[in-house]
Amino acid sequence: MALHYSCRHCGTSLGKLEQSIVNSDQLGFHMLNDEERKDFITYTSNGDIHVKSICSDCQEAFERNPDLHSVDYLIQ
């Protein structure tokens, strides 16, 4: 099983963790409500977990241009 982290705005891969046993509390998943879990975490049939996050470039772009929050995908 692996955890794959990617930016939810531009799709950039942020990293991958290879773990056989993962505690969701250690990953902070327990801090998410049900809707956030549905939006940010997906599970594949092979047991991998895909987590949507935000990369530093997109975070910086949002800070400089708050109007970008109205678009779904930053790279057009």
PDB file of N, CA and C in Angstrom:
ATOM      1  N   MET A   1       0.842  -1.173   0.000  1.00  0.00           N
ATOM      2  CA  MET A   1       0.000   0.000   0.000  1.00  0.00           C
ATOM      3  C   MET A   1       0.891   1.242   0.000  1.00  0.00           C
ATOM      4  N   ALA A   2       0.475   2.242  -0.737  1.00  0.00           N
ATOM      5  CA  ALA A   2       1.209   3.498  -0.800  1.00  0.00           C
ATOM      6  C   ALA A   2       0.240   4.659  -0.654  1.00  0.00           C
ATOM      7  N   LEU A   3       0.750   5.744  -0.123  1.00  0.00           N
ATOM      8  CA  LEU A   3      -0.006   6.994  -0.061  1.00  0.00           C
ATOM      9  C   LEU A   3       0.580   7.926  -1.098  1.00  0.00           C
ATOM     10  N   HIS A   4      -0.247   8.428  -1.980  1.00  0.00           N
ATOM     11  CA  HIS A   4       0.178   9.347  -3.025  1.00  0.00           C
ATOM     12  C   HIS A   4      -0.426  10.714  -2.724  1.00  0.00           C
ATOM     13  N   TYR A   5       0.430  11.715  -2.620  1.00  0.00           N
ATOM     14  CA  TYR A   5      -0.022  13.082  -2.378  1.00  0.00           C
ATOM     15  C   TYR A   5       0.147  13.888  -3.657  1.00  0.00           C
ATOM     16  N   SER A   6      -0.903  14.634  -4.047  1.00  0.00           N
ATOM     17  CA  SER A   6      -0.825  15.489  -5.223  1.00  0.00           C
ATOM     18  C   SER A   6      -1.592  16.777  -4.958  1.00  0.00           C
ATOM     19  N   CYS A   7      -1.248  17.799  -5.721  1.00  0.00           N
ATOM     20  CA  CYS A   7      -1.923  19.088  -5.580  1.00  0.00           C
ATOM     21  C   CYS A   7      -3.297  18.999  -6.234  1.00  0.00           C
ATOM     22  N   ARG A   8      -4.310  19.399  -5.522  1.00  0.00           N
ATOM     23  CA  ARG A   8      -5.673  19.325  -6.046  1.00  0.00           C
ATOM     24  C   ARG A   8      -5.958  20.415  -7.068  1.00  0.00           C
ATOM     25  N   HIS A   9      -5.067  21.381  -7.196  1.00  0.00           N
ATOM     26  CA  HIS A   9      -5.289  22.485  -8.125  1.00  0.00           C
ATOM     27  C   HIS A   9      -4.537  22.319  -9.437  1.00  0.00           C
ATOM     28  N   CYS A  10      -3.297  21.849  -9.393  1.00  0.00           N
ATOM     29  CA  CYS A  10      -2.507  21.739 -10.626  1.00  0.00           C
ATOM     30  C   CYS A  10      -2.124  20.305 -10.958  1.00  0.00           C
ATOM     31  N   GLY A  11      -2.366  19.372 -10.026  1.00  0.00           N
ATOM     32  CA  GLY A  11      -2.084  17.970 -10.284  1.00  0.00           C
ATOM     33  C   GLY A  11      -0.652  17.531 -10.046  1.00  0.00           C
ATOM     34  N   THR A  12       0.208  18.431  -9.612  1.00  0.00           N
ATOM     35  CA  THR A  12       1.610  18.097  -9.359  1.00  0.00           C
ATOM     36  C   THR A  12       1.721  17.041  -8.264  1.00  0.00           C
ATOM     37  N   SER A  13       2.566  16.052  -8.482  1.00  0.00           N
ATOM     38  CA  SER A  13       2.829  15.043  -7.462  1.00  0.00           C
ATOM     39  C   SER A  13       3.654  15.679  -6.351  1.00  0.00           C
ATOM     40  N   LEU A  14       3.194  15.523  -5.116  1.00  0.00           N
ATOM     41  CA  LEU A  14       3.891  16.105  -3.961  1.00  0.00           C
ATOM     42  C   LEU A  14       4.711  15.074  -3.199  1.00  0.00           C
ATOM     43  N   GLY A  15       4.452  13.812  -3.450  1.00  0.00           N
ATOM     44  CA  GLY A  15       5.231  12.787  -2.776  1.00  0.00           C
ATOM     45  C   GLY A  15       4.472  11.492  -2.644  1.00  0.00           C
ATOM     46  N   LYS A  16       5.190  10.493  -2.169  1.00  0.00           N
ATOM     47  CA  LYS A  16       4.623   9.155  -2.031  1.00  0.00           C
ATOM     48  C   LYS A  16       5.227   8.500  -0.803  1.00  0.00           C
ATOM     49  N   LEU A  17       4.399   7.876  -0.005  1.00  0.00           N
ATOM     50  CA  LEU A  17       4.850   7.133   1.171  1.00  0.00           C
ATOM     51  C   LEU A  17       4.545   5.663   0.957  1.00  0.00           C
ATOM     52  N   GLU A  18       5.533   4.833   1.140  1.00  0.00           N
ATOM     53  CA  GLU A  18       5.347   3.383   1.056  1.00  0.00           C
ATOM     54  C   GLU A  18       5.287   2.848   2.477  1.00  0.00           C
ATOM     55  N   GLN A  19       4.110   2.457   2.911  1.00  0.00           N
ATOM     56  CA  GLN A  19       3.930   1.927   4.259  1.00  0.00           C
ATOM     57  C   GLN A  19       3.024   0.719   4.195  1.00  0.00           C
ATOM     58  N   SER A  20       3.329  -0.290   4.976  1.00  0.00           N
ATOM     59  CA  SER A  20       2.441  -1.446   5.030  1.00  0.00           C
ATOM     60  C   SER A  20       1.310  -1.223   6.036  1.00  0.00           C
ATOM     61  N   ILE A  21       1.588  -0.459   7.078  1.00  0.00           N
ATOM     62  CA  ILE A  21       0.570  -0.144   8.085  1.00  0.00           C
ATOM     63  C   ILE A  21       0.590   1.364   8.311  1.00  0.00           C
ATOM     64  N   VAL A  22      -0.578   1.983   8.138  1.00  0.00           N
ATOM     65  CA  VAL A  22      -0.676   3.427   8.308  1.00  0.00           C
ATOM     66  C   VAL A  22      -1.848   3.720   9.233  1.00  0.00           C
ATOM     67  N   ASN A  23      -1.604   4.573  10.206  1.00  0.00           N
ATOM     68  CA  ASN A  23      -2.639   4.990  11.136  1.00  0.00           C
ATOM     69  C   ASN A  23      -3.201   6.325  10.667  1.00  0.00           C
ATOM     70  N   SER A  24      -4.504   6.391  10.422  1.00  0.00           N
ATOM     71  CA  SER A  24      -5.102   7.626   9.907  1.00  0.00           C
ATOM     72  C   SER A  24      -4.952   8.789  10.885  1.00  0.00           C
ATOM     73  N   ASP A  25      -4.858   8.509  12.169  1.00  0.00           N
ATOM     74  CA  ASP A  25      -4.641   9.583  13.150  1.00  0.00           C
ATOM     75  C   ASP A  25      -3.265  10.214  12.976  1.00  0.00           C
ATOM     76  N   GLN A  26      -2.256   9.394  12.671  1.00  0.00           N
ATOM     77  CA  GLN A  26      -0.915   9.923  12.447  1.00  0.00           C
ATOM     78  C   GLN A  26      -0.870  10.812  11.202  1.00  0.00           C
ATOM     79  N   LEU A  27      -1.705  10.515  10.231  1.00  0.00           N
ATOM     80  CA  LEU A  27      -1.740  11.289   8.992  1.00  0.00           C
ATOM     81  C   LEU A  27      -2.626  12.530   9.107  1.00  0.00           C
ATOM     82  N   GLY A  28      -3.392  12.616  10.182  1.00  0.00           N
ATOM     83  CA  GLY A  28      -4.264  13.769  10.387  1.00  0.00           C
ATOM     84  C   GLY A  28      -5.630  13.631   9.747  1.00  0.00           C
ATOM     85  N   PHE A  29      -5.950  12.456   9.212  1.00  0.00           N
ATOM     86  CA  PHE A  29      -7.240  12.262   8.561  1.00  0.00           C
ATOM     87  C   PHE A  29      -8.402  12.415   9.540  1.00  0.00           C
ATOM     88  N   HIS A  30      -8.160  12.142  10.811  1.00  0.00           N
ATOM     89  CA  HIS A  30      -9.217  12.261  11.814  1.00  0.00           C
ATOM     90  C   HIS A  30      -9.678  13.710  12.000  1.00  0.00           C
ATOM     91  N   MET A  31      -8.882  14.663  11.523  1.00  0.00           N
ATOM     92  CA  MET A  31      -9.242  16.083  11.639  1.00  0.00           C
ATOM     93  C   MET A  31     -10.228  16.514  10.551  1.00  0.00           C
ATOM     94  N   LEU A  32     -10.432  15.675   9.544  1.00  0.00           N
ATOM     95  CA  LEU A  32     -11.325  16.001   8.437  1.00  0.00           C
ATOM     96  C   LEU A  32     -12.742  15.529   8.739  1.00  0.00           C
ATOM     97  N   ASN A  33     -13.728  16.321   8.304  1.00  0.00           N
ATOM     98  CA  ASN A  33     -15.105  15.850   8.425  1.00  0.00           C
ATOM     99  C   ASN A  33     -15.405  14.922   7.250  1.00  0.00           C
ATOM    100  N   ASP A  34     -16.581  14.330   7.224  1.00  0.00           N
ATOM    101  CA  ASP A  34     -16.916  13.346   6.192  1.00  0.00           C
ATOM    102  C   ASP A  34     -16.846  13.926   4.782  1.00  0.00           C
ATOM    103  N   GLU A  35     -17.323  15.140   4.605  1.00  0.00           N
ATOM    104  CA  GLU A  35     -17.301  15.767   3.281  1.00  0.00           C
ATOM    105  C   GLU A  35     -15.866  16.036   2.821  1.00  0.00           C
ATOM    106  N   GLU A  36     -15.027  16.497   3.726  1.00  0.00           N
ATOM    107  CA  GLU A  36     -13.622  16.747   3.391  1.00  0.00           C
ATOM    108  C   GLU A  36     -12.911  15.440   3.034  1.00  0.00           C
ATOM    109  N   ARG A  37     -13.180  14.392   3.775  1.00  0.00           N
ATOM    110  CA  ARG A  37     -12.584  13.091   3.454  1.00  0.00           C
ATOM    111  C   ARG A  37     -12.985  12.652   2.054  1.00  0.00           C
ATOM    112  N   LYS A  38     -14.259  12.838   1.724  1.00  0.00           N
ATOM    113  CA  LYS A  38     -14.748  12.448   0.400  1.00  0.00           C
ATOM    114  C   LYS A  38     -14.082  13.274  -0.698  1.00  0.00           C
ATOM    115  N   ASP A  39     -13.837  14.554  -0.434  1.00  0.00           N
ATOM    116  CA  ASP A  39     -13.237  15.451  -1.423  1.00  0.00           C
ATOM    117  C   ASP A  39     -11.726  15.254  -1.573  1.00  0.00           C
ATOM    118  N   PHE A  40     -11.034  14.918  -0.502  1.00  0.00           N
ATOM    119  CA  PHE A  40      -9.574  14.925  -0.508  1.00  0.00           C
ATOM    120  C   PHE A  40      -8.905  13.551  -0.523  1.00  0.00           C
ATOM    121  N   ILE A  41      -9.629  12.495  -0.195  1.00  0.00           N
ATOM    122  CA  ILE A  41      -9.010  11.176  -0.075  1.00  0.00           C
ATOM    123  C   ILE A  41      -9.764  10.181  -0.944  1.00  0.00           C
ATOM    124  N   THR A  42      -9.014   9.439  -1.779  1.00  0.00           N
ATOM    125  CA  THR A  42      -9.611   8.365  -2.565  1.00  0.00           C
ATOM    126  C   THR A  42      -8.795   7.095  -2.349  1.00  0.00           C
ATOM    127  N   TYR A  43      -9.480   5.985  -2.440  1.00  0.00           N
ATOM    128  CA  TYR A  43      -8.870   4.683  -2.229  1.00  0.00           C
ATOM    129  C   TYR A  43      -8.971   3.881  -3.523  1.00  0.00           C
ATOM    130  N   THR A  44      -7.896   3.206  -3.898  1.00  0.00           N
ATOM    131  CA  THR A  44      -7.912   2.389  -5.103  1.00  0.00           C
ATOM    132  C   THR A  44      -8.070   0.920  -4.732  1.00  0.00           C
ATOM    133  N   SER A  45      -8.401   0.105  -5.727  1.00  0.00           N
ATOM    134  CA  SER A  45      -8.648  -1.316  -5.478  1.00  0.00           C
ATOM    135  C   SER A  45      -7.400  -2.064  -5.005  1.00  0.00           C
ATOM    136  N   ASN A  46      -6.217  -1.551  -5.322  1.00  0.00           N
ATOM    137  CA  ASN A  46      -4.990  -2.226  -4.873  1.00  0.00           C
ATOM    138  C   ASN A  46      -4.558  -1.786  -3.474  1.00  0.00           C
ATOM    139  N   GLY A  47      -5.362  -0.935  -2.820  1.00  0.00           N
ATOM    140  CA  GLY A  47      -5.068  -0.515  -1.453  1.00  0.00           C
ATOM    141  C   GLY A  47      -4.345   0.808  -1.340  1.00  0.00           C
ATOM    142  N   ASP A  48      -3.969   1.409  -2.457  1.00  0.00           N
ATOM    143  CA  ASP A  48      -3.310   2.717  -2.411  1.00  0.00           C
ATOM    144  C   ASP A  48      -4.301   3.797  -2.000  1.00  0.00           C
ATOM    145  N   ILE A  49      -3.777   4.825  -1.383  1.00  0.00           N
ATOM    146  CA  ILE A  49      -4.577   5.979  -0.965  1.00  0.00           C
ATOM    147  C   ILE A  49      -4.038   7.196  -1.692  1.00  0.00           C
ATOM    148  N   HIS A  50      -4.931   7.960  -2.296  1.00  0.00           N
ATOM    149  CA  HIS A  50      -4.555   9.191  -2.993  1.00  0.00           C
ATOM    150  C   HIS A  50      -5.122  10.367  -2.210  1.00  0.00           C
ATOM    151  N   VAL A  51      -4.231  11.273  -1.804  1.00  0.00           N
ATOM    152  CA  VAL A  51      -4.610  12.421  -0.988  1.00  0.00           C
ATOM    153  C   VAL A  51      -4.374  13.695  -1.791  1.00  0.00           C
ATOM    154  N   LYS A  52      -5.416  14.517  -1.881  1.00  0.00           N
ATOM    155  CA  LYS A  52      -5.292  15.803  -2.564  1.00  0.00           C
ATOM    156  C   LYS A  52      -4.915  16.862  -1.533  1.00  0.00           C
ATOM    157  N   SER A  53      -3.893  17.623  -1.842  1.00  0.00           N
ATOM    158  CA  SER A  53      -3.396  18.671  -0.961  1.00  0.00           C
ATOM    159  C   SER A  53      -3.196  19.925  -1.801  1.00  0.00           C
ATOM    160  N   ILE A  54      -2.264  20.781  -1.409  1.00  0.00           N
ATOM    161  CA  ILE A  54      -1.948  21.973  -2.196  1.00  0.00           C
ATOM    162  C   ILE A  54      -0.431  22.158  -2.204  1.00  0.00           C
ATOM    163  N   CYS A  55       0.100  22.447  -3.384  1.00  0.00           N
ATOM    164  CA  CYS A  55       1.548  22.655  -3.497  1.00  0.00           C
ATOM    165  C   CYS A  55       1.889  24.102  -3.125  1.00  0.00           C
ATOM    166  N   SER A  56       3.137  24.356  -2.883  1.00  0.00           N
ATOM    167  CA  SER A  56       3.559  25.698  -2.465  1.00  0.00           C
ATOM    168  C   SER A  56       3.333  26.733  -3.577  1.00  0.00           C
ATOM    169  N   ASP A  57       3.470  26.334  -4.841  1.00  0.00           N
ATOM    170  CA  ASP A  57       3.240  27.278  -5.936  1.00  0.00           C
ATOM    171  C   ASP A  57       1.782  27.723  -5.994  1.00  0.00           C
ATOM    172  N   CYS A  58       0.858  26.782  -5.871  1.00  0.00           N
ATOM    173  CA  CYS A  58      -0.564  27.133  -5.898  1.00  0.00           C
ATOM    174  C   CYS A  58      -0.953  27.943  -4.659  1.00  0.00           C
ATOM    175  N   GLN A  59      -0.418  27.569  -3.503  1.00  0.00           N
ATOM    176  CA  GLN A  59      -0.698  28.331  -2.284  1.00  0.00           C
ATOM    177  C   GLN A  59      -0.246  29.775  -2.446  1.00  0.00           C
ATOM    178  N   GLU A  60       0.932  29.948  -2.994  1.00  0.00           N
ATOM    179  CA  GLU A  60       1.469  31.287  -3.224  1.00  0.00           C
ATOM    180  C   GLU A  60       0.596  32.054  -4.222  1.00  0.00           C
ATOM    181  N   ALA A  61       0.143  31.381  -5.269  1.00  0.00           N
ATOM    182  CA  ALA A  61      -0.721  32.018  -6.267  1.00  0.00           C
ATOM    183  C   ALA A  61      -2.033  32.470  -5.636  1.00  0.00           C
ATOM    184  N   PHE A  62      -2.620  31.653  -4.752  1.00  0.00           N
ATOM    185  CA  PHE A  62      -3.854  32.034  -4.059  1.00  0.00           C
ATOM    186  C   PHE A  62      -3.639  33.234  -3.150  1.00  0.00           C
ATOM    187  N   GLU A  63      -2.503  33.272  -2.494  1.00  0.00           N
ATOM    188  CA  GLU A  63      -2.221  34.401  -1.599  1.00  0.00           C
ATOM    189  C   GLU A  63      -2.075  35.700  -2.375  1.00  0.00           C
ATOM    190  N   ARG A  64      -1.458  35.620  -3.563  1.00  0.00           N
ATOM    191  CA  ARG A  64      -1.280  36.819  -4.393  1.00  0.00           C
ATOM    192  C   ARG A  64      -2.551  37.208  -5.143  1.00  0.00           C
ATOM    193  N   ASN A  65      -3.376  36.208  -5.501  1.00  0.00           N
ATOM    194  CA  ASN A  65      -4.570  36.440  -6.324  1.00  0.00           C
ATOM    195  C   ASN A  65      -5.766  35.700  -5.732  1.00  0.00           C
ATOM    196  N   PRO A  66      -6.428  36.257  -4.738  1.00  0.00           N
ATOM    197  CA  PRO A  66      -7.559  35.574  -4.094  1.00  0.00           C
ATOM    198  C   PRO A  66      -8.691  35.218  -5.061  1.00  0.00           C
ATOM    199  N   ASP A  67      -8.797  35.923  -6.194  1.00  0.00           N
ATOM    200  CA  ASP A  67      -9.851  35.626  -7.164  1.00  0.00           C
ATOM    201  C   ASP A  67      -9.686  34.238  -7.781  1.00  0.00           C
ATOM    202  N   LEU A  68      -8.518  33.646  -7.674  1.00  0.00           N
ATOM    203  CA  LEU A  68      -8.283  32.310  -8.229  1.00  0.00           C
ATOM    204  C   LEU A  68      -9.132  31.239  -7.542  1.00  0.00           C
ATOM    205  N   HIS A  69      -9.665  31.539  -6.365  1.00  0.00           N
ATOM    206  CA  HIS A  69     -10.505  30.568  -5.665  1.00  0.00           C
ATOM    207  C   HIS A  69     -11.765  30.241  -6.466  1.00  0.00           C
ATOM    208  N   SER A  70     -12.101  31.065  -7.448  1.00  0.00           N
ATOM    209  CA  SER A  70     -13.324  30.836  -8.222  1.00  0.00           C
ATOM    210  C   SER A  70     -13.103  29.836  -9.361  1.00  0.00           C
ATOM    211  N   VAL A  71     -11.855  29.433  -9.631  1.00  0.00           N
ATOM    212  CA  VAL A  71     -11.610  28.454 -10.683  1.00  0.00           C
ATOM    213  C   VAL A  71     -11.269  27.100 -10.077  1.00  0.00           C
ATOM    214  N   ASP A  72     -11.624  26.026 -10.775  1.00  0.00           N
ATOM    215  CA  ASP A  72     -11.392  24.673 -10.259  1.00  0.00           C
ATOM    216  C   ASP A  72      -9.961  24.205 -10.469  1.00  0.00           C
ATOM    217  N   TYR A  73      -9.350  24.615 -11.558  1.00  0.00           N
ATOM    218  CA  TYR A  73      -8.031  24.104 -11.938  1.00  0.00           C
ATOM    219  C   TYR A  73      -7.170  25.275 -12.354  1.00  0.00           C
ATOM    220  N   LEU A  74      -6.024  25.481 -11.705  1.00  0.00           N
ATOM    221  CA  LEU A  74      -5.213  26.670 -11.963  1.00  0.00           C
ATOM    222  C   LEU A  74      -4.489  26.642 -13.295  1.00  0.00           C
ATOM    223  N   ILE A  75      -4.078  25.473 -13.752  1.00  0.00           N
ATOM    224  CA  ILE A  75      -3.388  25.361 -15.023  1.00  0.00           C
ATOM    225  C   ILE A  75      -4.449  25.191 -16.105  1.00  0.00           C
ATOM    226  N   GLN A  76      -4.633  26.203 -16.919  1.00  0.00           N
ATOM    227  CA  GLN A  76      -5.710  26.158 -17.930  1.00  0.00           C
ATOM    228  C   GLN A  76      -5.205  25.690 -19.262  1.00  0.00           C
TER     229      GLN A  76
END
